[in-house]
Amino acid sequence: EVQLVESGGALVQPGGSLRLSCAASGFSFSRYRMNWYRQAPGKERELVANIGSSGFTTTYADSVKGRFTISRDNANKMLYLQMNNLKPEDTAVYYCRYDTYWGQGTQVTVSS
């Protein structure tokens, strides 16, 4: 059974940092591209970043380029999203995705 479990969301002040984690199980993690999405209240879910199977290829939404970094640990089946210089507009539920599978999400709130 495929499982994706996100963690690391929190309330943080503007300019702060967070590191999100996604623990994967039930599939050959190291063989697949992995994705982070987010959904803000009243908005559609959007792709934030993705990373190739080996970790060398990454893409980012324009809104997070230069502030967020996606990475992975294939040995431990973990996906990460380092978020720096957070802004109020980054407030959303963040989801890990593989193929058609989604995690339950983790809430990130950026507010003073």
Protein backbone atom coordinates (compact mmCIF):
# COMPACT_ATOMS: atom_id res chain seq x y z
CA GLU A 1 0.00 0.00 0.00
CA VAL A 2 1.34 3.39 -1.01
CA GLN A 3 1.61 5.85 1.86
CA LEU A 4 2.79 9.45 1.87
CA VAL A 5 2.94 11.19 5.23
CA GLU A 6 3.81 14.87 5.41
CA SER A 7 5.05 16.68 8.49
CA GLY A 8 6.72 19.91 9.49
CA GLY A 9 3.97 22.44 8.91
CA ALA A 10 3.58 25.21 11.46
CA LEU A 11 2.72 28.83 12.12
CA VAL A 12 5.71 31.01 11.22
CA GLN A 13 6.34 34.74 10.93
CA PRO A 14 7.04 36.37 7.56
CA GLY A 15 10.68 35.95 6.67
CA GLY A 16 10.93 32.73 8.62
CA SER A 17 11.84 29.23 7.49
CA LEU A 18 10.33 25.76 7.65
CA ARG A 19 11.36 22.35 6.45
CA LEU A 20 8.62 20.01 5.33
CA SER A 21 9.13 16.26 5.20
CA CYS A 22 7.29 13.48 3.39
CA ALA A 23 7.82 9.87 4.42
CA ALA A 24 7.06 7.49 1.56
CA SER A 25 6.37 3.77 1.66
CA GLY A 26 4.78 1.04 -0.42
CA PHE A 27 6.54 1.73 -3.72
CA SER A 28 10.03 1.95 -5.21
CA PHE A 29 10.64 5.52 -4.13
CA SER A 30 14.04 5.90 -5.76
CA ARG A 31 12.64 5.20 -9.22
CA TYR A 32 10.12 8.03 -9.41
CA ARG A 33 9.85 11.77 -9.68
CA MET A 34 8.29 13.29 -6.59
CA ASN A 35 6.25 16.44 -6.18
CA TRP A 36 5.21 19.06 -3.65
CA TYR A 37 1.90 20.81 -4.19
CA ARG A 38 0.02 23.36 -2.14
CA GLN A 39 -3.54 24.57 -1.85
CA ALA A 40 -4.44 27.90 -0.34
CA PRO A 41 -7.95 28.66 0.91
CA GLY A 42 -10.29 29.30 -2.02
CA LYS A 43 -7.64 28.47 -4.59
CA GLU A 44 -6.81 25.49 -6.75
CA ARG A 45 -4.04 23.12 -5.83
CA GLU A 46 -0.78 24.14 -7.50
CA LEU A 47 2.57 22.52 -8.15
CA VAL A 48 5.29 24.01 -5.99
CA ALA A 49 8.29 21.89 -6.95
CA ASN A 50 9.30 18.50 -8.24
CA ILE A 51 12.46 16.45 -8.29
CA GLY A 52 13.73 13.68 -10.52
CA SER A 53 14.38 10.18 -9.28
CA SER A 54 18.09 10.75 -8.73
CA GLY A 55 17.64 14.18 -7.19
CA PHE A 56 19.61 16.04 -9.83
CA THR A 57 16.69 17.52 -11.76
CA THR A 58 14.41 20.00 -10.04
CA THR A 59 11.75 22.45 -11.13
CA TYR A 60 10.00 25.19 -9.19
CA ALA A 61 6.99 27.41 -9.50
CA ASP A 62 8.04 30.97 -10.29
CA SER A 63 6.53 32.15 -7.02
CA VAL A 64 8.97 30.10 -4.93
CA LYS A 65 12.15 30.14 -7.02
CA GLY A 66 15.13 31.23 -4.98
CA ARG A 67 13.30 30.67 -1.69
CA PHE A 68 12.34 26.98 -1.66
CA THR A 69 14.54 23.94 -2.19
CA ILE A 70 13.26 20.44 -2.86
CA SER A 71 15.45 17.46 -2.01
CA ARG A 72 15.21 13.74 -1.39
CA ASP A 73 16.87 10.93 0.51
CA ASN A 74 16.34 7.78 -1.51
CA ALA A 75 17.95 5.52 1.06
CA ASN A 76 15.35 6.52 3.65
CA LYS A 77 12.46 7.19 1.24
CA MET A 78 12.12 10.80 2.32
CA LEU A 79 11.17 13.92 0.40
CA TYR A 80 11.88 17.40 1.73
CA LEU A 81 10.94 20.99 1.03
CA GLN A 82 13.11 23.66 2.61
CA MET A 83 11.20 26.94 2.64
CA ASN A 84 13.03 30.18 3.38
CA ASN A 85 11.95 33.81 3.45
CA LEU A 86 8.34 32.75 3.84
CA LYS A 87 5.61 35.16 2.84
CA PRO A 88 1.94 35.37 3.86
CA GLU A 89 1.00 34.20 0.36
CA ASP A 90 2.80 30.91 1.06
CA THR A 91 0.05 30.05 3.53
CA ALA A 92 -1.50 26.78 2.34
CA VAL A 93 -1.82 23.09 2.95
CA TYR A 94 1.24 21.42 1.44
CA TYR A 95 0.97 17.98 -0.12
CA CYS A 96 3.42 15.36 -1.24
CA ARG A 97 2.46 13.53 -4.43
CA TYR A 98 3.63 10.47 -6.33
CA ASP A 99 1.75 9.36 -9.48
CA THR A 100 -1.93 9.48 -8.44
CA TYR A 101 -1.20 9.23 -4.72
CA TRP A 102 -1.39 12.14 -2.29
CA GLY A 103 -0.52 12.57 1.32
CA GLN A 104 -2.92 14.05 3.85
CA GLY A 105 -1.17 17.42 3.78
CA THR A 106 0.49 19.63 6.35
CA GLN A 107 -0.63 23.18 7.18
CA VAL A 108 1.77 26.07 6.73
CA THR A 109 0.61 29.45 8.01
CA VAL A 110 2.73 32.55 7.54
CA SER A 111 1.50 35.39 9.68
CA SER A 112 2.72 37.96 12.15
